[in-house]
Amino acid sequence: MKLVRYGAAGKEKPGVIDADGKIRDLSKVVKDIDSEMLASGGLAKIKKANLKKLKAVSGKPRLGACVGNIGTFYSSG
């Protein structure tokens, strides 16, 4: 499962890339992809969702940070 956040900077929506490479809108499943969603069982909700029934996002939207509302993020190279 490939989760994404897409849309204008600061107004990103949650999405998932389906088996065909299309972005599907997760807004009806979770509010955002952030620490609150991850801590409250949001991944289980996403896994249960029928991705083919979610609205496909048209065009080539801007992709934002993969997880929102993160103060400091550390990563190794």
PDB file of N, CA and C in Angstrom:
ATOM      1  N   MET A   1       0.855  -1.166   0.000  1.00  0.00           N
ATOM      2  CA  MET A   1       0.000   0.000   0.000  1.00  0.00           C
ATOM      3  C   MET A   1       0.907   1.237   0.000  1.00  0.00           C
ATOM      4  N   LYS A   2       0.659   2.145  -0.946  1.00  0.00           N
ATOM      5  CA  LYS A   2       1.447   3.368  -1.041  1.00  0.00           C
ATOM      6  C   LYS A   2       0.535   4.549  -0.702  1.00  0.00           C
ATOM      7  N   LEU A   3       0.778   5.135   0.456  1.00  0.00           N
ATOM      8  CA  LEU A   3      -0.009   6.280   0.889  1.00  0.00           C
ATOM      9  C   LEU A   3       0.641   7.561   0.397  1.00  0.00           C
ATOM     10  N   VAL A   4      -0.172   8.531   0.038  1.00  0.00           N
ATOM     11  CA  VAL A   4       0.317   9.831  -0.421  1.00  0.00           C
ATOM     12  C   VAL A   4      -0.570  10.927   0.161  1.00  0.00           C
ATOM     13  N   ARG A   5      -0.057  12.123   0.125  1.00  0.00           N
ATOM     14  CA  ARG A   5      -0.841  13.319   0.424  1.00  0.00           C
ATOM     15  C   ARG A   5      -0.698  14.203  -0.805  1.00  0.00           C
ATOM     16  N   TYR A   6      -1.806  14.653  -1.339  1.00  0.00           N
ATOM     17  CA  TYR A   6      -1.771  15.382  -2.608  1.00  0.00           C
ATOM     18  C   TYR A   6      -2.582  16.668  -2.509  1.00  0.00           C
ATOM     19  N   GLY A   7      -2.253  17.620  -3.375  1.00  0.00           N
ATOM     20  CA  GLY A   7      -2.988  18.874  -3.441  1.00  0.00           C
ATOM     21  C   GLY A   7      -2.091  20.066  -3.160  1.00  0.00           C
ATOM     22  N   ALA A   8      -2.714  21.226  -3.052  1.00  0.00           N
ATOM     23  CA  ALA A   8      -1.982  22.474  -2.814  1.00  0.00           C
ATOM     24  C   ALA A   8      -1.250  22.429  -1.475  1.00  0.00           C
ATOM     25  N   ALA A   9      -0.112  23.088  -1.418  1.00  0.00           N
ATOM     26  CA  ALA A   9       0.682  23.138  -0.188  1.00  0.00           C
ATOM     27  C   ALA A   9      -0.165  23.658   0.971  1.00  0.00           C
ATOM     28  N   GLY A  10      -0.143  22.909   2.070  1.00  0.00           N
ATOM     29  CA  GLY A  10      -0.906  23.278   3.246  1.00  0.00           C
ATOM     30  C   GLY A  10      -2.360  22.826   3.202  1.00  0.00           C
ATOM     31  N   LYS A  11      -2.798  22.290   2.063  1.00  0.00           N
ATOM     32  CA  LYS A  11      -4.186  21.832   1.917  1.00  0.00           C
ATOM     33  C   LYS A  11      -4.233  20.412   1.342  1.00  0.00           C
ATOM     34  N   GLU A  12      -3.201  19.644   1.614  1.00  0.00           N
ATOM     35  CA  GLU A  12      -3.114  18.296   1.062  1.00  0.00           C
ATOM     36  C   GLU A  12      -4.247  17.406   1.590  1.00  0.00           C
ATOM     37  N   LYS A  13      -4.640  16.458   0.748  1.00  0.00           N
ATOM     38  CA  LYS A  13      -5.647  15.462   1.091  1.00  0.00           C
ATOM     39  C   LYS A  13      -4.955  14.100   1.163  1.00  0.00           C
ATOM     40  N   PRO A  14      -5.522  13.174   1.930  1.00  0.00           N
ATOM     41  CA  PRO A  14      -4.938  11.835   1.985  1.00  0.00           C
ATOM     42  C   PRO A  14      -5.321  11.022   0.758  1.00  0.00           C
ATOM     43  N   GLY A  15      -4.380  10.228   0.296  1.00  0.00           N
ATOM     44  CA  GLY A  15      -4.641   9.391  -0.860  1.00  0.00           C
ATOM     45  C   GLY A  15      -3.864   8.099  -0.795  1.00  0.00           C
ATOM     46  N   VAL A  16      -4.188   7.205  -1.683  1.00  0.00           N
ATOM     47  CA  VAL A  16      -3.490   5.929  -1.805  1.00  0.00           C
ATOM     48  C   VAL A  16      -3.325   5.645  -3.293  1.00  0.00           C
ATOM     49  N   ILE A  17      -2.205   5.053  -3.651  1.00  0.00           N
ATOM     50  CA  ILE A  17      -1.973   4.679  -5.040  1.00  0.00           C
ATOM     51  C   ILE A  17      -2.457   3.244  -5.212  1.00  0.00           C
ATOM     52  N   ASP A  18      -3.390   3.053  -6.137  1.00  0.00           N
ATOM     53  CA  ASP A  18      -3.971   1.727  -6.335  1.00  0.00           C
ATOM     54  C   ASP A  18      -3.080   0.851  -7.219  1.00  0.00           C
ATOM     55  N   ALA A  19      -3.525  -0.360  -7.483  1.00  0.00           N
ATOM     56  CA  ALA A  19      -2.753  -1.330  -8.263  1.00  0.00           C
ATOM     57  C   ALA A  19      -2.481  -0.860  -9.690  1.00  0.00           C
ATOM     58  N   ASP A  20      -3.322   0.047 -10.206  1.00  0.00           N
ATOM     59  CA  ASP A  20      -3.137   0.580 -11.558  1.00  0.00           C
ATOM     60  C   ASP A  20      -2.307   1.855 -11.588  1.00  0.00           C
ATOM     61  N   GLY A  21      -1.806   2.278 -10.425  1.00  0.00           N
ATOM     62  CA  GLY A  21      -0.988   3.483 -10.353  1.00  0.00           C
ATOM     63  C   GLY A  21      -1.786   4.765 -10.240  1.00  0.00           C
ATOM     64  N   LYS A  22      -3.108   4.671 -10.047  1.00  0.00           N
ATOM     65  CA  LYS A  22      -3.957   5.850  -9.897  1.00  0.00           C
ATOM     66  C   LYS A  22      -4.033   6.250  -8.427  1.00  0.00           C
ATOM     67  N   ILE A  23      -4.085   7.558  -8.196  1.00  0.00           N
ATOM     68  CA  ILE A  23      -4.286   8.044  -6.833  1.00  0.00           C
ATOM     69  C   ILE A  23      -5.777   7.985  -6.531  1.00  0.00           C
ATOM     70  N   ARG A  24      -6.128   7.416  -5.389  1.00  0.00           N
ATOM     71  CA  ARG A  24      -7.511   7.352  -4.923  1.00  0.00           C
ATOM     72  C   ARG A  24      -7.632   8.230  -3.681  1.00  0.00           C
ATOM     73  N   ASP A  25      -8.709   9.001  -3.611  1.00  0.00           N
ATOM     74  CA  ASP A  25      -8.949   9.933  -2.511  1.00  0.00           C
ATOM     75  C   ASP A  25      -9.394   9.175  -1.261  1.00  0.00           C
ATOM     76  N   LEU A  26      -8.634   9.314  -0.172  1.00  0.00           N
ATOM     77  CA  LEU A  26      -8.953   8.652   1.090  1.00  0.00           C
ATOM     78  C   LEU A  26      -9.717   9.544   2.061  1.00  0.00           C
ATOM     79  N   SER A  27     -10.155  10.722   1.637  1.00  0.00           N
ATOM     80  CA  SER A  27     -10.794  11.685   2.531  1.00  0.00           C
ATOM     81  C   SER A  27     -12.011  11.130   3.265  1.00  0.00           C
ATOM     82  N   LYS A  28     -12.727  10.197   2.647  1.00  0.00           N
ATOM     83  CA  LYS A  28     -13.912   9.624   3.300  1.00  0.00           C
ATOM     84  C   LYS A  28     -13.544   8.512   4.282  1.00  0.00           C
ATOM     85  N   VAL A  29     -12.280   8.088   4.262  1.00  0.00           N
ATOM     86  CA  VAL A  29     -11.824   7.016   5.151  1.00  0.00           C
ATOM     87  C   VAL A  29     -11.066   7.599   6.345  1.00  0.00           C
ATOM     88  N   VAL A  30     -10.133   8.513   6.082  1.00  0.00           N
ATOM     89  CA  VAL A  30      -9.356   9.173   7.140  1.00  0.00           C
ATOM     90  C   VAL A  30      -9.254  10.667   6.827  1.00  0.00           C
ATOM     91  N   LYS A  31      -9.128  11.463   7.872  1.00  0.00           N
ATOM     92  CA  LYS A  31      -9.051  12.921   7.712  1.00  0.00           C
ATOM     93  C   LYS A  31      -7.729  13.349   7.066  1.00  0.00           C
ATOM     94  N   ASP A  32      -6.644  12.729   7.491  1.00  0.00           N
ATOM     95  CA  ASP A  32      -5.313  13.057   6.982  1.00  0.00           C
ATOM     96  C   ASP A  32      -4.407  11.873   7.267  1.00  0.00           C
ATOM     97  N   ILE A  33      -3.233  11.889   6.715  1.00  0.00           N
ATOM     98  CA  ILE A  33      -2.207  10.908   7.055  1.00  0.00           C
ATOM     99  C   ILE A  33      -1.225  11.651   7.941  1.00  0.00           C
ATOM    100  N   ASP A  34      -1.420  11.483   9.240  1.00  0.00           N
ATOM    101  CA  ASP A  34      -0.587  12.177  10.228  1.00  0.00           C
ATOM    102  C   ASP A  34      -0.420  11.279  11.447  1.00  0.00           C
ATOM    103  N   SER A  35       0.297  11.781  12.446  1.00  0.00           N
ATOM    104  CA  SER A  35       0.586  10.966  13.629  1.00  0.00           C
ATOM    105  C   SER A  35      -0.691  10.544  14.350  1.00  0.00           C
ATOM    106  N   GLU A  36      -1.686  11.397  14.391  1.00  0.00           N
ATOM    107  CA  GLU A  36      -2.957  11.054  15.045  1.00  0.00           C
ATOM    108  C   GLU A  36      -3.628   9.869  14.345  1.00  0.00           C
ATOM    109  N   MET A  37      -3.670   9.909  13.016  1.00  0.00           N
ATOM    110  CA  MET A  37      -4.277   8.825  12.248  1.00  0.00           C
ATOM    111  C   MET A  37      -3.517   7.526  12.464  1.00  0.00           C
ATOM    112  N   LEU A  38      -2.197   7.599  12.436  1.00  0.00           N
ATOM    113  CA  LEU A  38      -1.385   6.401  12.599  1.00  0.00           C
ATOM    114  C   LEU A  38      -1.558   5.799  13.989  1.00  0.00           C
ATOM    115  N   ALA A  39      -1.650   6.643  15.021  1.00  0.00           N
ATOM    116  CA  ALA A  39      -1.774   6.170  16.399  1.00  0.00           C
ATOM    117  C   ALA A  39      -3.178   5.649  16.725  1.00  0.00           C
ATOM    118  N   SER A  40      -4.185   6.078  15.967  1.00  0.00           N
ATOM    119  CA  SER A  40      -5.562   5.716  16.307  1.00  0.00           C
ATOM    120  C   SER A  40      -6.144   4.599  15.441  1.00  0.00           C
ATOM    121  N   GLY A  41      -5.306   3.829  14.782  1.00  0.00           N
ATOM    122  CA  GLY A  41      -5.792   2.706  13.994  1.00  0.00           C
ATOM    123  C   GLY A  41      -6.221   3.051  12.584  1.00  0.00           C
ATOM    124  N   GLY A  42      -5.784   4.181  12.079  1.00  0.00           N
ATOM    125  CA  GLY A  42      -6.160   4.602  10.738  1.00  0.00           C
ATOM    126  C   GLY A  42      -5.701   3.655   9.640  1.00  0.00           C
ATOM    127  N   LEU A  43      -4.544   3.023   9.837  1.00  0.00           N
ATOM    128  CA  LEU A  43      -4.065   2.093   8.809  1.00  0.00           C
ATOM    129  C   LEU A  43      -5.016   0.909   8.659  1.00  0.00           C
ATOM    130  N   ALA A  44      -5.595   0.448   9.763  1.00  0.00           N
ATOM    131  CA  ALA A  44      -6.557  -0.651   9.697  1.00  0.00           C
ATOM    132  C   ALA A  44      -7.797  -0.223   8.914  1.00  0.00           C
ATOM    133  N   LYS A  45      -8.243   1.021   9.111  1.00  0.00           N
ATOM    134  CA  LYS A  45      -9.394   1.536   8.363  1.00  0.00           C
ATOM    135  C   LYS A  45      -9.093   1.564   6.867  1.00  0.00           C
ATOM    136  N   ILE A  46      -7.888   1.999   6.533  1.00  0.00           N
ATOM    137  CA  ILE A  46      -7.503   2.075   5.121  1.00  0.00           C
ATOM    138  C   ILE A  46      -7.433   0.679   4.513  1.00  0.00           C
ATOM    139  N   LYS A  47      -6.880  -0.282   5.252  1.00  0.00           N
ATOM    140  CA  LYS A  47      -6.776  -1.652   4.747  1.00  0.00           C
ATOM    141  C   LYS A  47      -8.148  -2.262   4.486  1.00  0.00           C
ATOM    142  N   LYS A  48      -9.148  -1.886   5.280  1.00  0.00           N
ATOM    143  CA  LYS A  48     -10.500  -2.428   5.115  1.00  0.00           C
ATOM    144  C   LYS A  48     -11.261  -1.769   3.962  1.00  0.00           C
ATOM    145  N   ALA A  49     -10.825  -0.586   3.546  1.00  0.00           N
ATOM    146  CA  ALA A  49     -11.535   0.164   2.502  1.00  0.00           C
ATOM    147  C   ALA A  49     -11.402  -0.523   1.144  1.00  0.00           C
ATOM    148  N   ASN A  50     -12.464  -0.444   0.356  1.00  0.00           N
ATOM    149  CA  ASN A  50     -12.439  -0.955  -1.012  1.00  0.00           C
ATOM    150  C   ASN A  50     -11.886   0.160  -1.896  1.00  0.00           C
ATOM    151  N   LEU A  51     -10.624   0.078  -2.239  1.00  0.00           N
ATOM    152  CA  LEU A  51      -9.950   1.155  -2.964  1.00  0.00           C
ATOM    153  C   LEU A  51     -10.599   1.455  -4.311  1.00  0.00           C
ATOM    154  N   LYS A  52     -11.136   0.449  -4.967  1.00  0.00           N
ATOM    155  CA  LYS A  52     -11.744   0.665  -6.285  1.00  0.00           C
ATOM    156  C   LYS A  52     -13.016   1.507  -6.207  1.00  0.00           C
ATOM    157  N   LYS A  53     -13.629   1.587  -5.024  1.00  0.00           N
ATOM    158  CA  LYS A  53     -14.834   2.393  -4.865  1.00  0.00           C
ATOM    159  C   LYS A  53     -14.519   3.844  -4.491  1.00  0.00           C
ATOM    160  N   LEU A  54     -13.254   4.109  -4.147  1.00  0.00           N
ATOM    161  CA  LEU A  54     -12.860   5.476  -3.810  1.00  0.00           C
ATOM    162  C   LEU A  54     -12.671   6.289  -5.084  1.00  0.00           C
ATOM    163  N   LYS A  55     -12.947   7.571  -5.003  1.00  0.00           N
ATOM    164  CA  LYS A  55     -12.835   8.468  -6.159  1.00  0.00           C
ATOM    165  C   LYS A  55     -11.388   8.531  -6.649  1.00  0.00           C
ATOM    166  N   ALA A  56     -11.215   8.350  -7.953  1.00  0.00           N
ATOM    167  CA  ALA A  56      -9.894   8.503  -8.569  1.00  0.00           C
ATOM    168  C   ALA A  56      -9.608   9.990  -8.729  1.00  0.00           C
ATOM    169  N   VAL A  57      -8.378  10.379  -8.438  1.00  0.00           N
ATOM    170  CA  VAL A  57      -7.964  11.773  -8.555  1.00  0.00           C
ATOM    171  C   VAL A  57      -7.523  12.021  -9.997  1.00  0.00           C
ATOM    172  N   SER A  58      -8.076  13.051 -10.608  1.00  0.00           N
ATOM    173  CA  SER A  58      -7.738  13.329 -12.005  1.00  0.00           C
ATOM    174  C   SER A  58      -6.481  14.197 -12.115  1.00  0.00           C
ATOM    175  N   GLY A  59      -5.889  14.168 -13.277  1.00  0.00           N
ATOM    176  CA  GLY A  59      -4.716  14.996 -13.548  1.00  0.00           C
ATOM    177  C   GLY A  59      -3.469  14.485 -12.862  1.00  0.00           C
ATOM    178  N   LYS A  60      -2.537  15.391 -12.680  1.00  0.00           N
ATOM    179  CA  LYS A  60      -1.268  15.075 -12.024  1.00  0.00           C
ATOM    180  C   LYS A  60      -1.096  16.035 -10.848  1.00  0.00           C
ATOM    181  N   PRO A  61      -1.766  15.755  -9.742  1.00  0.00           N
ATOM    182  CA  PRO A  61      -1.698  16.675  -8.606  1.00  0.00           C
ATOM    183  C   PRO A  61      -0.315  16.708  -7.954  1.00  0.00           C
ATOM    184  N   ARG A  62      -0.038  17.819  -7.304  1.00  0.00           N
ATOM    185  CA  ARG A  62       1.191  17.973  -6.526  1.00  0.00           C
ATOM    186  C   ARG A  62       1.160  16.972  -5.375  1.00  0.00           C
ATOM    187  N   LEU A  63       2.289  16.292  -5.128  1.00  0.00           N
ATOM    188  CA  LEU A  63       2.411  15.400  -3.983  1.00  0.00           C
ATOM    189  C   LEU A  63       3.122  16.141  -2.864  1.00  0.00           C
ATOM    190  N   GLY A  64       2.546  16.080  -1.678  1.00  0.00           N
ATOM    191  CA  GLY A  64       3.128  16.750  -0.516  1.00  0.00           C
ATOM    192  C   GLY A  64       3.931  15.781   0.326  1.00  0.00           C
ATOM    193  N   ALA A  65       4.252  16.231   1.529  1.00  0.00           N
ATOM    194  CA  ALA A  65       4.959  15.369   2.472  1.00  0.00           C
ATOM    195  C   ALA A  65       4.117  14.137   2.745  1.00  0.00           C
ATOM    196  N   CYS A  66       4.766  12.995   2.907  1.00  0.00           N
ATOM    197  CA  CYS A  66       4.024  11.735   3.065  1.00  0.00           C
ATOM    198  C   CYS A  66       3.238  11.667   4.369  1.00  0.00           C
ATOM    199  N   VAL A  67       3.690  12.369   5.400  1.00  0.00           N
ATOM    200  CA  VAL A  67       2.989  12.429   6.680  1.00  0.00           C
ATOM    201  C   VAL A  67       2.863  13.895   7.072  1.00  0.00           C
ATOM    202  N   GLY A  68       1.654  14.316   7.423  1.00  0.00           N
ATOM    203  CA  GLY A  68       1.422  15.715   7.753  1.00  0.00           C
ATOM    204  C   GLY A  68       1.571  16.020   9.236  1.00  0.00           C
ATOM    205  N   ASN A  69       1.657  17.290   9.536  1.00  0.00           N
ATOM    206  CA  ASN A  69       1.711  17.799  10.916  1.00  0.00           C
ATOM    207  C   ASN A  69       2.851  17.216  11.732  1.00  0.00           C
ATOM    208  N   ILE A  70       4.009  17.123  11.129  1.00  0.00           N
ATOM    209  CA  ILE A  70       5.198  16.631  11.816  1.00  0.00           C
ATOM    210  C   ILE A  70       6.095  17.824  12.107  1.00  0.00           C
ATOM    211  N   GLY A  71       6.423  18.015  13.378  1.00  0.00           N
ATOM    212  CA  GLY A  71       7.282  19.132  13.764  1.00  0.00           C
ATOM    213  C   GLY A  71       8.706  18.953  13.279  1.00  0.00           C
ATOM    214  N   THR A  72       9.330  17.863  13.712  1.00  0.00           N
ATOM    215  CA  THR A  72      10.705  17.560  13.335  1.00  0.00           C
ATOM    216  C   THR A  72      10.756  16.118  12.851  1.00  0.00           C
ATOM    217  N   PHE A  73      11.417  15.907  11.738  1.00  0.00           N
ATOM    218  CA  PHE A  73      11.503  14.579  11.160  1.00  0.00           C
ATOM    219  C   PHE A  73      12.966  14.274  10.897  1.00  0.00           C
ATOM    220  N   TYR A  74      13.440  13.153  11.426  1.00  0.00           N
ATOM    221  CA  TYR A  74      14.815  12.739  11.217  1.00  0.00           C
ATOM    222  C   TYR A  74      14.842  11.493  10.349  1.00  0.00           C
ATOM    223  N   SER A  75      15.788  11.452   9.428  1.00  0.00           N
ATOM    224  CA  SER A  75      15.904  10.314   8.535  1.00  0.00           C
ATOM    225  C   SER A  75      17.374  10.051   8.245  1.00  0.00           C
ATOM    226  N   SER A  76      17.708   8.789   8.083  1.00  0.00           N
ATOM    227  CA  SER A  76      19.083   8.489   7.686  1.00  0.00           C
ATOM    228  C   SER A  76      19.117   8.328   6.174  1.00  0.00           C
ATOM    229  N   GLY A  77      20.143   8.892   5.567  1.00  0.00           N
ATOM    230  CA  GLY A  77      20.384   9.012   4.173  1.00  0.00           C
ATOM    231  C   GLY A  77      19.916   8.034   3.242  1.00  0.00           C
TER     232      GLY A  77
END
